[in-house]
């Protein structure tokens, strides 16, 4: 496996953050 680059880590963190925010918003709406 190749070592993850800073850009990939940044993208992964951003994705997790977005999913968390979306999940919280959906939870509040439902």
PDB file of N, CA and C in Angstrom:
ATOM      1  N   UNK A   1       0.852  -1.212   0.000  1.00  0.00           N
ATOM      2  CA  UNK A   1       0.000   0.000   0.000  1.00  0.00           C
ATOM      3  C   UNK A   1       0.880   1.251   0.000  1.00  0.00           C
ATOM      4  N   UNK A   2       0.424   2.255  -0.706  1.00  0.00           N
ATOM      5  CA  UNK A   2       1.195   3.493  -0.758  1.00  0.00           C
ATOM      6  C   UNK A   2       0.882   4.360   0.451  1.00  0.00           C
ATOM      7  N   UNK A   3       1.858   5.136   0.848  1.00  0.00           N
ATOM      8  CA  UNK A   3       1.654   6.001   2.011  1.00  0.00           C
ATOM      9  C   UNK A   3       0.734   7.159   1.620  1.00  0.00           C
ATOM     10  N   UNK A   4      -0.314   7.406   2.426  1.00  0.00           N
ATOM     11  CA  UNK A   4      -1.265   8.479   2.090  1.00  0.00           C
ATOM     12  C   UNK A   4      -0.605   9.849   2.113  1.00  0.00           C
ATOM     13  N   UNK A   5      -0.932  10.658   1.160  1.00  0.00           N
ATOM     14  CA  UNK A   5      -0.353  11.999   1.097  1.00  0.00           C
ATOM     15  C   UNK A   5      -1.169  12.968   1.948  1.00  0.00           C
ATOM     16  N   UNK A   6      -0.603  14.138   2.171  1.00  0.00           N
ATOM     17  CA  UNK A   6      -1.291  15.147   2.990  1.00  0.00           C
ATOM     18  C   UNK A   6      -2.619  15.523   2.344  1.00  0.00           C
ATOM     19  N   UNK A   7      -2.620  15.581   0.999  1.00  0.00           N
ATOM     20  CA  UNK A   7      -3.854  15.961   0.297  1.00  0.00           C
ATOM     21  C   UNK A   7      -4.937  14.910   0.516  1.00  0.00           C
ATOM     22  N   UNK A   8      -4.539  13.642   0.464  1.00  0.00           N
ATOM     23  CA  UNK A   8      -5.522  12.569   0.667  1.00  0.00           C
ATOM     24  C   UNK A   8      -6.060  12.607   2.090  1.00  0.00           C
ATOM     25  N   UNK A   9      -5.173  12.842   3.069  1.00  0.00           N
ATOM     26  CA  UNK A   9      -5.622  12.910   4.462  1.00  0.00           C
ATOM     27  C   UNK A   9      -6.566  14.094   4.642  1.00  0.00           C
ATOM     28  N   UNK A  10      -6.211  15.230   4.021  1.00  0.00           N
ATOM     29  CA  UNK A  10      -7.054  16.423   4.121  1.00  0.00           C
ATOM     30  C   UNK A  10      -8.429  16.144   3.523  1.00  0.00           C
ATOM     31  N   UNK A  11      -8.442  15.470   2.362  1.00  0.00           N
ATOM     32  CA  UNK A  11      -9.709  15.155   1.701  1.00  0.00           C
ATOM     33  C   UNK A  11     -10.546  14.211   2.552  1.00  0.00           C
ATOM     34  N   UNK A  12      -9.897  13.217   3.149  1.00  0.00           N
ATOM     35  CA  UNK A  12     -10.618  12.252   3.994  1.00  0.00           C
ATOM     36  C   UNK A  12     -11.225  12.964   5.199  1.00  0.00           C
ATOM     37  N   UNK A  13     -10.439  13.847   5.823  1.00  0.00           N
ATOM     38  CA  UNK A  13     -10.947  14.571   7.001  1.00  0.00           C
ATOM     39  C   UNK A  13     -12.121  15.463   6.615  1.00  0.00           C
ATOM     40  N   UNK A  14     -12.013  16.118   5.464  1.00  0.00           N
ATOM     41  CA  UNK A  14     -13.091  16.998   5.005  1.00  0.00           C
ATOM     42  C   UNK A  14     -14.359  16.195   4.727  1.00  0.00           C
ATOM     43  N   UNK A  15     -14.181  15.007   4.138  1.00  0.00           N
ATOM     44  CA  UNK A  15     -15.341  14.162   3.836  1.00  0.00           C
ATOM     45  C   UNK A  15     -16.037  13.716   5.113  1.00  0.00           C
ATOM     46  N   UNK A  16     -15.239  13.291   6.091  1.00  0.00           N
ATOM     47  CA  UNK A  16     -15.814  12.842   7.368  1.00  0.00           C
ATOM     48  C   UNK A  16     -16.556  13.998   8.036  1.00  0.00           C
ATOM     49  N   UNK A  17     -15.960  15.192   7.986  1.00  0.00           N
ATOM     50  CA  UNK A  17     -16.591  16.361   8.603  1.00  0.00           C
ATOM     51  C   UNK A  17     -17.927  16.676   7.917  1.00  0.00           C
ATOM     52  N   UNK A  18     -17.923  16.626   6.583  1.00  0.00           N
ATOM     53  CA  UNK A  18     -19.158  16.908   5.840  1.00  0.00           C
ATOM     54  C   UNK A  18     -20.236  15.879   6.157  1.00  0.00           C
ATOM     55  N   UNK A  19     -19.837  14.605   6.200  1.00  0.00           N
ATOM     56  CA  UNK A  19     -20.811  13.552   6.499  1.00  0.00           C
ATOM     57  C   UNK A  19     -21.379  13.738   7.902  1.00  0.00           C
ATOM     58  N   UNK A  20     -20.525  14.133   8.842  1.00  0.00           N
ATOM     59  CA  UNK A  20     -20.986  14.335  10.219  1.00  0.00           C
ATOM     60  C   UNK A  20     -21.991  15.491  10.279  1.00  0.00           C
ATOM     61  N   UNK A  21     -21.666  16.580   9.579  1.00  0.00           N
ATOM     62  CA  UNK A  21     -22.573  17.730   9.578  1.00  0.00           C
ATOM     63  C   UNK A  21     -23.895  17.376   8.910  1.00  0.00           C
ATOM     64  N   UNK A  22     -23.813  16.654   7.777  1.00  0.00           N
ATOM     65  CA  UNK A  22     -25.040  16.257   7.076  1.00  0.00           C
ATOM     66  C   UNK A  22     -25.870  15.318   7.942  1.00  0.00           C
ATOM     67  N   UNK A  23     -25.207  14.385   8.614  1.00  0.00           N
ATOM     68  CA  UNK A  23     -25.927  13.447   9.481  1.00  0.00           C
ATOM     69  C   UNK A  23     -26.622  14.185  10.617  1.00  0.00           C
ATOM     70  N   UNK A  24     -25.948  15.162  11.202  1.00  0.00           N
ATOM     71  CA  UNK A  24     -26.547  15.927  12.296  1.00  0.00           C
ATOM     72  C   UNK A  24     -27.743  16.726  11.807  1.00  0.00           C
ATOM     73  N   UNK A  25     -27.616  17.326  10.612  1.00  0.00           N
ATOM     74  CA  UNK A  25     -28.721  18.113  10.059  1.00  0.00           C
ATOM     75  C   UNK A  25     -29.922  17.204   9.779  1.00  0.00           C
ATOM     76  N   UNK A  26     -29.659  16.041   9.184  1.00  0.00           N
ATOM     77  CA  UNK A  26     -30.752  15.097   8.889  1.00  0.00           C
ATOM     78  C   UNK A  26     -31.402  14.615  10.178  1.00  0.00           C
ATOM     79  N   UNK A  27     -30.577  14.345  11.195  1.00  0.00           N
ATOM     80  CA  UNK A  27     -31.115  13.877  12.473  1.00  0.00           C
ATOM     81  C   UNK A  27     -32.039  14.917  13.088  1.00  0.00           C
ATOM     82  N   UNK A  28     -31.680  16.198  12.928  1.00  0.00           N
ATOM     83  CA  UNK A  28     -32.509  17.257  13.494  1.00  0.00           C
ATOM     84  C   UNK A  28     -33.816  17.390  12.714  1.00  0.00           C
ATOM     85  N   UNK A  29     -33.731  17.231  11.397  1.00  0.00           N
ATOM     86  CA  UNK A  29     -34.930  17.375  10.557  1.00  0.00           C
ATOM     87  C   UNK A  29     -35.912  16.233  10.789  1.00  0.00           C
ATOM     88  N   UNK A  30     -35.403  15.025  10.922  1.00  0.00           N
ATOM     89  CA  UNK A  30     -36.292  13.861  11.060  1.00  0.00           C
ATOM     90  C   UNK A  30     -36.939  13.815  12.432  1.00  0.00           C
TER      91      UNK A  30
END
